[in-house]
Amino acid sequence: MHPAAKVQIRTAKPIVAVQVRSIGSAPTAEDIAAAAAREEALREQSAMAERERCEPAAAALAAAADQIAQACRVLEERAEPLMIEIVKKIASEVLRREVDAGRYDLSGIVRDCLAAARGGDRGVTVCLHPTDLAASKENGWLRALENNGTKVRGDAAVGRASCRLETPYGTVTRDIGAVVADVFAAVDGRR
């Protein structure tokens, strides 16, 4: 037998030396286990060195992520009021176009206003914008009110899609602009 010799075995991992007892004989289980243990130790040592090398970069990335998150919070805080203003402007424009096109339920507006009035619809004068009054006479829903003794008249001071009731107890107004202002106040947290 030849004296013990070192043989190198190539693997997908780093080259590992296996101590072979003699040339021509296969490595023993102990030889393979020792080589695997050395390979595992080298891998662990290499991973630890890599972690130590990457630690400063990881810390810098974490600090940068914190700074970005803080900047995002500041931007969100600044953007929220602007977004609310944009939404309010869009809603106002859509509402204006719907009113201009006559796409609203004026009879529902008058009914809501009458429901809020004390004393019902007797002795009440319903004031509508002249354009709304003309459109309401065409589809006839005001006739039932007039048949009940309610007076209906046009008043240019009343806005479109709005209603003013004059009652013996006072005035009840349902103004689309005031309703929108109330909604916007609620959105702004003022109500």
Protein backbone atom coordinates (compact mmCIF):
# COMPACT_ATOMS: atom_id res chain seq x y z
CA MET A 1 0.00 0.00 0.00
CA HIS A 2 1.03 3.54 -0.68
CA PRO A 3 1.31 6.04 2.08
CA ALA A 4 -1.78 8.21 2.67
CA ALA A 5 -2.39 10.79 -0.05
CA LYS A 6 -4.59 13.84 -0.42
CA VAL A 7 -7.14 13.78 -3.23
CA GLN A 8 -9.29 16.73 -4.26
CA ILE A 9 -12.96 16.11 -5.06
CA ARG A 10 -14.70 18.80 -7.12
CA THR A 11 -18.29 19.61 -6.22
CA ALA A 12 -20.68 22.42 -7.09
CA LYS A 13 -19.42 24.03 -3.90
CA PRO A 14 -15.83 25.01 -3.15
CA ILE A 15 -13.13 22.43 -3.68
CA VAL A 16 -12.87 20.15 -0.66
CA ALA A 17 -9.89 18.02 0.24
CA VAL A 18 -10.59 14.46 1.32
CA GLN A 19 -7.91 12.56 3.18
CA VAL A 20 -7.58 9.14 1.59
CA ARG A 21 -5.73 6.43 3.53
CA SER A 22 -4.17 4.88 0.47
CA ILE A 23 -4.13 5.36 -3.25
CA GLY A 24 -6.53 3.06 -5.01
CA SER A 25 -8.89 2.66 -2.09
CA ALA A 26 -12.25 4.45 -1.88
CA PRO A 27 -12.73 7.15 0.78
CA THR A 28 -14.32 5.84 3.92
CA ALA A 29 -17.58 7.14 5.40
CA GLU A 30 -15.54 8.92 8.05
CA ASP A 31 -13.46 10.63 5.33
CA ILE A 32 -16.60 11.78 3.51
CA ALA A 33 -18.27 12.97 6.73
CA ALA A 34 -15.16 14.93 7.72
CA ALA A 35 -15.00 16.53 4.27
CA ALA A 36 -18.69 17.44 4.45
CA ALA A 37 -18.20 18.96 7.90
CA ARG A 38 -15.27 21.02 6.63
CA GLU A 39 -17.32 22.12 3.62
CA GLU A 40 -20.24 23.12 5.88
CA ALA A 41 -17.87 25.07 8.14
CA LEU A 42 -16.41 26.86 5.12
CA ARG A 43 -19.90 27.67 3.84
CA GLU A 44 -20.96 29.02 7.25
CA GLN A 45 -17.76 31.05 7.54
CA SER A 46 -18.28 32.45 4.04
CA ALA A 47 -21.94 33.32 4.78
CA MET A 48 -20.96 35.05 8.02
CA ALA A 49 -18.28 37.08 6.22
CA GLU A 50 -20.86 38.02 3.53
CA ARG A 51 -23.39 39.09 6.19
CA GLU A 52 -20.78 41.25 7.90
CA ARG A 53 -19.81 42.76 4.57
CA CYS A 54 -23.48 43.56 3.74
CA GLU A 55 -24.45 44.89 7.19
CA PRO A 56 -23.52 48.55 6.47
CA ALA A 57 -25.39 48.47 3.15
CA ALA A 58 -28.46 46.90 4.81
CA ALA A 59 -28.41 49.55 7.53
CA ALA A 60 -28.12 52.30 4.92
CA LEU A 61 -31.05 50.82 2.98
CA ALA A 62 -33.17 50.62 6.14
CA ALA A 63 -32.37 54.27 6.95
CA ALA A 64 -33.23 55.30 3.39
CA ALA A 65 -36.53 53.38 3.58
CA ASP A 66 -37.38 55.22 6.82
CA GLN A 67 -36.61 58.58 5.19
CA ILE A 68 -38.75 57.70 2.16
CA ALA A 69 -41.63 56.58 4.39
CA GLN A 70 -41.43 59.86 6.32
CA ALA A 71 -41.36 61.86 3.07
CA CYS A 72 -44.42 59.92 1.85
CA ARG A 73 -46.31 60.72 5.07
CA VAL A 74 -45.51 64.42 4.69
CA LEU A 75 -46.60 64.39 1.05
CA GLU A 76 -49.83 62.56 1.90
CA GLU A 77 -50.60 65.11 4.61
CA ARG A 78 -50.02 67.94 2.14
CA ALA A 79 -51.89 66.22 -0.69
CA GLU A 80 -55.07 65.33 1.22
CA PRO A 81 -56.50 68.87 1.39
CA LEU A 82 -55.64 69.39 -2.27
CA MET A 83 -57.39 66.16 -3.24
CA ILE A 84 -60.45 67.18 -1.25
CA GLU A 85 -60.54 70.57 -3.00
CA ILE A 86 -60.26 68.87 -6.40
CA VAL A 87 -63.10 66.47 -5.53
CA LYS A 88 -65.25 69.39 -4.35
CA LYS A 89 -64.60 71.32 -7.57
CA ILE A 90 -65.45 68.27 -9.68
CA ALA A 91 -68.63 67.63 -7.67
CA SER A 92 -69.65 71.29 -7.99
CA GLU A 93 -69.10 71.23 -11.74
CA VAL A 94 -71.02 67.97 -12.19
CA LEU A 95 -73.87 69.33 -10.06
CA ARG A 96 -73.92 72.60 -12.01
CA ARG A 97 -74.14 70.71 -15.30
CA GLU A 98 -76.90 68.46 -13.98
CA VAL A 99 -78.87 71.49 -12.76
CA ASP A 100 -78.30 73.32 -16.07
CA ALA A 101 -79.59 70.24 -17.90
CA GLY A 102 -82.62 70.00 -15.58
CA ARG A 103 -81.71 66.53 -14.34
CA TYR A 104 -83.00 66.68 -10.77
CA ASP A 105 -86.17 65.75 -8.91
CA LEU A 106 -87.79 69.10 -8.16
CA SER A 107 -90.96 67.44 -6.89
CA GLY A 108 -88.84 65.56 -4.34
CA ILE A 109 -87.14 68.80 -3.32
CA VAL A 110 -90.54 70.49 -2.79
CA ARG A 111 -91.86 67.43 -0.89
CA ASP A 112 -88.81 67.48 1.42
CA CYS A 113 -89.27 71.20 1.99
CA LEU A 114 -92.99 70.75 2.73
CA ALA A 115 -92.18 67.93 5.15
CA ALA A 116 -89.88 70.31 7.04
CA ALA A 117 -92.53 73.06 7.12
CA ARG A 118 -94.74 73.36 10.15
CA GLY A 119 -98.44 73.10 9.42
CA GLY A 120 -98.35 71.07 6.18
CA ASP A 121 -99.10 72.49 2.74
CA ARG A 122 -102.26 74.57 3.49
CA GLY A 123 -101.71 78.30 3.35
CA VAL A 124 -98.24 77.78 1.91
CA THR A 125 -96.75 79.53 -1.09
CA VAL A 126 -94.17 77.52 -3.00
CA CYS A 127 -91.60 79.73 -4.72
CA LEU A 128 -89.55 78.22 -7.53
CA HIS A 129 -87.10 79.54 -10.09
CA PRO A 130 -89.13 80.58 -13.18
CA THR A 131 -87.41 77.92 -15.34
CA ASP A 132 -88.24 75.21 -12.78
CA LEU A 133 -91.83 76.49 -12.52
CA ALA A 134 -92.30 76.30 -16.29
CA ALA A 135 -90.85 72.76 -16.42
CA SER A 136 -93.01 71.67 -13.47
CA LYS A 137 -96.19 72.93 -15.12
CA GLU A 138 -95.35 70.88 -18.19
CA ASN A 139 -95.18 67.58 -16.28
CA GLY A 140 -98.09 68.48 -13.98
CA TRP A 141 -96.92 67.41 -10.52
CA LEU A 142 -97.71 70.84 -9.04
CA ARG A 143 -101.42 70.58 -9.90
CA ALA A 144 -102.04 68.31 -6.90
CA LEU A 145 -100.45 70.92 -4.62
CA GLU A 146 -102.47 73.75 -6.19
CA ASN A 147 -105.66 71.67 -5.84
CA ASN A 148 -104.86 71.38 -2.11
CA GLY A 149 -104.76 75.18 -1.72
CA THR A 150 -101.03 75.66 -2.08
CA LYS A 151 -100.01 78.69 -4.13
CA VAL A 152 -97.13 78.26 -6.55
CA ARG A 153 -95.24 81.17 -8.05
CA GLY A 154 -92.01 81.91 -9.83
CA ASP A 155 -89.28 83.91 -8.13
CA ALA A 156 -85.96 84.68 -9.84
CA ALA A 157 -84.34 85.01 -6.39
CA VAL A 158 -84.80 81.24 -5.88
CA GLY A 159 -82.02 79.25 -7.52
CA ARG A 160 -82.54 76.39 -9.92
CA ALA A 161 -83.12 73.03 -8.18
CA SER A 162 -84.15 74.96 -5.06
CA CYS A 163 -87.38 75.80 -3.29
CA ARG A 164 -88.62 78.40 -0.83
CA LEU A 165 -91.82 77.96 1.15
CA GLU A 166 -93.59 80.92 2.66
CA THR A 167 -95.79 79.72 5.51
CA PRO A 168 -97.83 81.49 8.18
CA TYR A 169 -95.05 80.43 10.60
CA GLY A 170 -92.08 81.60 8.58
CA THR A 171 -89.96 80.64 5.60
CA VAL A 172 -88.45 77.26 4.80
CA THR A 173 -85.76 77.16 2.15
CA ARG A 174 -84.23 74.22 0.39
CA ASP A 175 -81.31 75.66 -1.56
CA ILE A 176 -79.06 73.35 -3.55
CA GLY A 177 -76.09 75.64 -2.91
CA ALA A 178 -76.63 75.48 0.86
CA VAL A 179 -77.01 71.70 0.72
CA VAL A 180 -73.73 71.40 -1.19
CA ALA A 181 -72.05 73.78 1.28
CA ASP A 182 -73.29 71.59 4.16
CA VAL A 183 -71.91 68.46 2.49
CA PHE A 184 -68.57 70.15 1.85
CA ALA A 185 -68.46 71.38 5.47
CA ALA A 186 -68.99 67.79 6.62
CA VAL A 187 -66.20 66.59 4.31
CA ASP A 188 -63.91 69.29 5.71
CA GLY A 189 -64.80 68.23 9.25
CA ARG A 190 -66.55 71.51 10.08
CA ARG A 191 -69.88 69.83 10.86
